[in-house]
Protein backbone atom coordinates (compact mmCIF):
# COMPACT_ATOMS: atom_id res chain seq x y z
CA MET A 1 32.21 -53.07 2.35
CA GLY A 2 29.88 -54.42 -0.28
CA GLY A 3 29.72 -51.31 -2.42
CA MET A 4 30.76 -47.76 -2.90
CA ILE A 5 29.05 -45.08 -0.79
CA ASN A 6 27.13 -42.52 -2.81
CA PHE A 7 27.95 -39.40 -0.82
CA PRO A 8 25.79 -36.92 -2.80
CA ALA A 9 22.72 -39.10 -2.27
CA PHE A 10 23.59 -39.57 1.41
CA PHE A 11 23.96 -35.85 2.07
CA GLY A 12 20.76 -35.18 0.12
CA LYS A 13 18.81 -37.58 2.32
CA LEU A 14 20.43 -36.09 5.41
CA SER A 15 19.37 -32.61 4.35
CA THR A 16 15.80 -33.79 3.75
CA THR A 17 15.73 -35.43 7.17
CA GLY A 18 16.91 -32.21 8.82
CA LYS A 19 14.28 -30.15 6.98
CA THR A 20 11.51 -32.57 7.96
CA HIS A 21 12.56 -32.45 11.61
CA ARG A 22 12.62 -28.63 11.53
CA LEU A 23 9.13 -28.45 10.01
CA LEU A 24 7.83 -30.95 12.55
CA GLN A 25 9.24 -28.90 15.43
CA GLU A 26 7.63 -25.77 13.99
CA LEU A 27 4.22 -27.44 13.65
CA LYS A 28 4.45 -28.83 17.17
CA PHE A 29 5.30 -25.39 18.55
CA HIS A 30 2.51 -23.60 16.67
CA SER A 31 -0.17 -25.99 17.87
CA SER A 32 1.26 -26.57 21.35
CA ILE A 33 -1.57 -24.71 23.13
CA VAL A 34 -4.19 -27.00 21.57
CA THR A 35 -2.20 -30.25 21.67
CA GLY A 36 -0.96 -29.64 25.23
CA GLY A 37 2.75 -30.12 24.63
CA THR A 38 2.41 -33.58 23.09
CA PRO A 39 5.74 -35.39 22.53
CA GLU A 40 7.13 -35.10 19.02
CA GLN A 41 6.67 -38.77 18.13
CA THR A 42 3.05 -38.79 19.31
CA PHE A 43 2.33 -35.56 17.47
CA ASN A 44 3.81 -36.94 14.27
CA LEU A 45 2.01 -40.30 14.37
CA ASP A 46 -1.37 -39.24 15.78
CA PHE A 47 -2.11 -35.58 15.17
CA LEU A 48 -0.50 -35.06 11.76
CA THR A 49 -2.29 -38.02 10.19
CA TYR A 50 -5.63 -36.64 11.37
CA LEU A 51 -4.83 -33.07 10.37
CA ARG A 52 -3.56 -33.99 6.93
CA TRP A 53 -6.67 -35.95 5.99
CA HIS A 54 -9.09 -33.28 7.25
CA LEU A 55 -7.14 -30.53 5.50
CA TYR A 56 -6.99 -31.96 2.00
CA ARG A 57 -10.30 -33.85 1.99
CA PRO A 58 -12.56 -30.71 1.77
CA LEU A 59 -10.48 -29.49 -1.17
CA GLN A 60 -10.99 -32.80 -2.97
CA VAL A 61 -14.73 -32.69 -2.27
CA GLN A 62 -15.03 -29.18 -3.68
CA THR A 63 -13.09 -30.26 -6.78
CA THR A 64 -15.47 -33.14 -7.51
CA SER A 65 -18.82 -31.74 -6.31
CA GLY A 66 -18.37 -27.99 -6.75
CA THR A 67 -19.74 -27.20 -3.27
CA SER A 68 -17.85 -24.62 -1.21
CA GLU A 69 -15.69 -26.47 1.30
CA VAL A 70 -12.58 -24.29 1.65
CA HIS A 71 -13.95 -22.59 4.79
CA LYS A 72 -13.60 -25.92 6.62
CA VAL A 73 -9.88 -25.95 5.90
CA THR A 74 -9.29 -22.40 7.16
CA GLN A 75 -11.39 -23.10 10.25
CA LEU A 76 -9.33 -26.19 11.10
CA LEU A 77 -6.12 -24.22 10.69
CA ASP A 78 -7.46 -21.58 13.07
CA ASP A 79 -8.56 -24.23 15.58
CA TYR A 80 -4.97 -25.52 15.80
CA ASP A 81 -3.30 -22.07 15.50
CA LEU A 82 -1.71 -23.04 12.20
CA THR A 83 -0.85 -20.83 9.23
CA ARG A 84 -1.09 -21.20 5.45
CA GLU A 85 2.58 -22.21 5.40
CA ASP A 86 1.87 -24.88 8.02
CA PHE A 87 -0.68 -26.37 5.62
CA ASP A 88 2.07 -26.90 3.03
CA SER A 89 4.39 -28.31 5.70
CA ILE A 90 1.80 -30.88 6.81
CA MET A 91 1.26 -31.97 3.21
CA GLU A 92 5.02 -32.29 2.67
CA ILE A 93 5.80 -34.20 5.87
CA GLY A 94 2.99 -36.72 5.34
CA GLN A 95 3.97 -37.46 1.74
CA PHE A 96 5.83 -40.78 1.42
CA HIS A 97 7.80 -42.09 -1.52
CA GLY A 98 5.67 -44.04 -3.98
CA LYS A 99 2.38 -42.66 -2.65
CA VAL A 100 0.07 -40.40 -4.66
CA ASN A 101 0.04 -36.81 -3.46
CA PRO A 102 -3.62 -36.02 -2.60
CA ILE A 103 -3.14 -32.35 -3.44
CA SER A 104 -2.35 -33.29 -7.04
CA ASN A 105 -6.04 -34.23 -7.45
CA VAL A 106 -7.22 -30.79 -6.31
CA ASP A 107 -8.19 -28.29 -8.99
CA SER A 108 -5.98 -25.19 -9.24
CA LYS A 109 -9.08 -22.97 -8.93
CA VAL A 110 -9.92 -24.60 -5.61
CA LYS A 111 -6.36 -24.04 -4.36
CA SER A 112 -6.59 -20.39 -5.37
CA ALA A 113 -9.96 -20.03 -3.64
CA PHE A 114 -8.49 -21.51 -0.46
CA THR A 115 -5.52 -19.12 -0.52
CA ARG A 116 -7.72 -16.10 -1.23
CA LEU A 117 -10.11 -16.98 1.60
CA TYR A 118 -7.26 -17.49 4.08
CA ASN A 119 -5.63 -14.18 3.17
CA LYS A 120 -8.98 -12.39 3.36
CA GLU A 121 -9.82 -13.67 6.85
CA SER A 122 -8.32 -12.40 10.09
CA HIS A 123 -6.35 -15.01 12.06
CA MET A 124 -5.49 -14.54 15.74
CA ILE A 125 -2.46 -16.72 16.46
CA PRO A 126 -0.53 -16.72 19.77
CA TYR A 127 2.92 -16.28 18.21
CA ALA A 128 4.71 -13.94 15.85
CA VAL A 129 4.89 -14.93 12.19
CA LEU A 130 8.24 -14.22 10.56
CA SER A 131 8.79 -15.21 6.97
CA ALA A 132 12.14 -16.43 5.65
CA ALA A 133 12.63 -13.22 3.67
CA ALA A 134 11.95 -11.11 6.76
CA ALA A 135 14.39 -13.13 8.87
CA LYS A 136 17.04 -12.72 6.19
CA LYS A 137 16.41 -8.97 6.16
CA ILE A 138 16.85 -8.76 9.94
CA ARG A 139 20.13 -10.69 9.80
CA LYS A 140 21.38 -8.40 7.05
CA VAL A 141 20.52 -5.28 9.07
CA ALA A 142 22.30 -6.67 12.13
CA THR A 143 25.39 -7.48 10.04
CA ASP A 144 25.53 -4.17 8.19
CA ASN A 145 25.20 -2.08 11.35
CA GLY A 146 28.83 -1.65 12.50
CA ASP A 147 28.34 1.06 15.17
CA TYR A 148 29.63 0.09 18.63
CA ASP A 149 29.98 2.06 21.86
CA GLU A 150 33.02 2.26 24.15
CA GLU A 151 32.10 -0.97 25.96
CA GLY A 152 31.92 -2.90 22.70
CA SER A 153 28.12 -3.16 22.62
CA GLN A 154 26.36 -2.63 19.35
CA VAL A 155 24.46 0.64 19.02
CA HIS A 156 20.93 0.42 17.65
CA ASP A 157 19.03 3.34 16.25
CA GLY A 158 15.30 3.84 15.76
CA SER A 159 15.38 2.72 12.12
CA GLU A 160 15.64 -0.96 13.12
CA GLU A 161 12.47 -0.67 15.19
CA GLU A 162 10.67 0.77 12.19
CA GLU A 163 11.89 -2.13 10.04
CA GLY A 164 10.72 -4.54 12.72
CA MET A 165 7.23 -3.12 12.31
CA ASP A 166 7.34 -4.06 8.63
CA VAL A 167 8.58 -7.64 9.04
CA ASP A 168 6.52 -8.63 12.08
CA GLY A 169 3.32 -10.33 10.93
CA MET A 170 1.54 -9.60 14.24
CA ILE A 171 1.95 -5.82 13.94
CA LYS A 172 -0.10 -3.86 11.47
CA GLU A 173 0.84 -0.24 11.09
CA SER A 174 -2.10 2.10 10.74
CA LYS A 175 -2.15 4.06 7.51
CA LYS A 176 -2.11 7.82 7.95
CA LYS A 177 -4.79 9.71 6.10
CA PRO A 178 -3.52 12.45 3.77
CA PRO A 179 -4.22 15.99 4.98
CA ALA A 180 -7.39 17.53 3.65
CA LYS A 181 -6.92 20.00 0.80
CA PRO A 182 -7.88 23.59 1.66
CA LYS A 183 -11.10 24.71 0.07
CA PRO A 184 -10.64 27.39 -2.63
CA LYS A 185 -11.88 30.84 -1.69
CA ALA A 186 -15.01 32.00 -3.46
CA LYS A 187 -14.32 34.66 -6.06
CA LYS A 188 -16.12 37.97 -5.63
CA SER A 189 -18.50 38.83 -8.44
CA SER A 190 -18.38 42.13 -10.30
CA ASN A 191 -21.67 43.21 -8.65
CA ASP A 192 -20.22 42.65 -5.15
CA SER A 193 -17.09 44.67 -5.98
CA ALA A 194 -19.18 47.52 -7.41
CA ALA A 195 -21.42 47.56 -4.33
CA GLY A 196 -18.33 47.66 -2.12
CA LYS A 197 -16.95 50.67 -3.97
CA LYS A 198 -20.28 52.52 -3.67
CA ALA A 199 -20.33 51.82 0.08
CA LYS A 200 -16.83 53.22 0.48
CA GLY A 201 -17.83 56.33 -1.54
CA ARG A 202 -20.83 56.98 0.73
CA LYS A 203 -18.66 56.77 3.84
CA LYS A 204 -16.33 59.44 2.43
């Protein structure tokens, strides 16, 4: 062997490769209805290059010209059934060593405007969105629940279904309106009470 193997650097590169492959599989799955189940290599070489350029270019144009272009980015994400997190994944996968990151040239105000617009809009996507924090919460609930029946199967109660409502991005729980406060009874005036007493006296 010509030299000593740098194991920390090797395992670091291996971890980065695994993360990139996972993100690529996620992007391919999210856009599979539009791309028609394109093979992973074709999706990476053809679709991602196109998507990346058309996603960051409107942001650069708005930074330099000041015209509103962020709606084009959110529309393209919707066209391919992609999320805001997928936008970051596409930028990360397409970034090569030694190349300038195109997002670094985008003004922070434009990035904030893009995020605000995406969060404000309603996005109909054909899959459930589960964040990393939500997935961790589900695993923790499954681990902490130690109730089992006689056959050894784990017993689930209704509380897990309620928690699933909170972590599932496709389900929005309707907010219950608070009950209406009862209207205060009108106080009788002194004239009304006096008239009532006179009426009772006449009946006697």
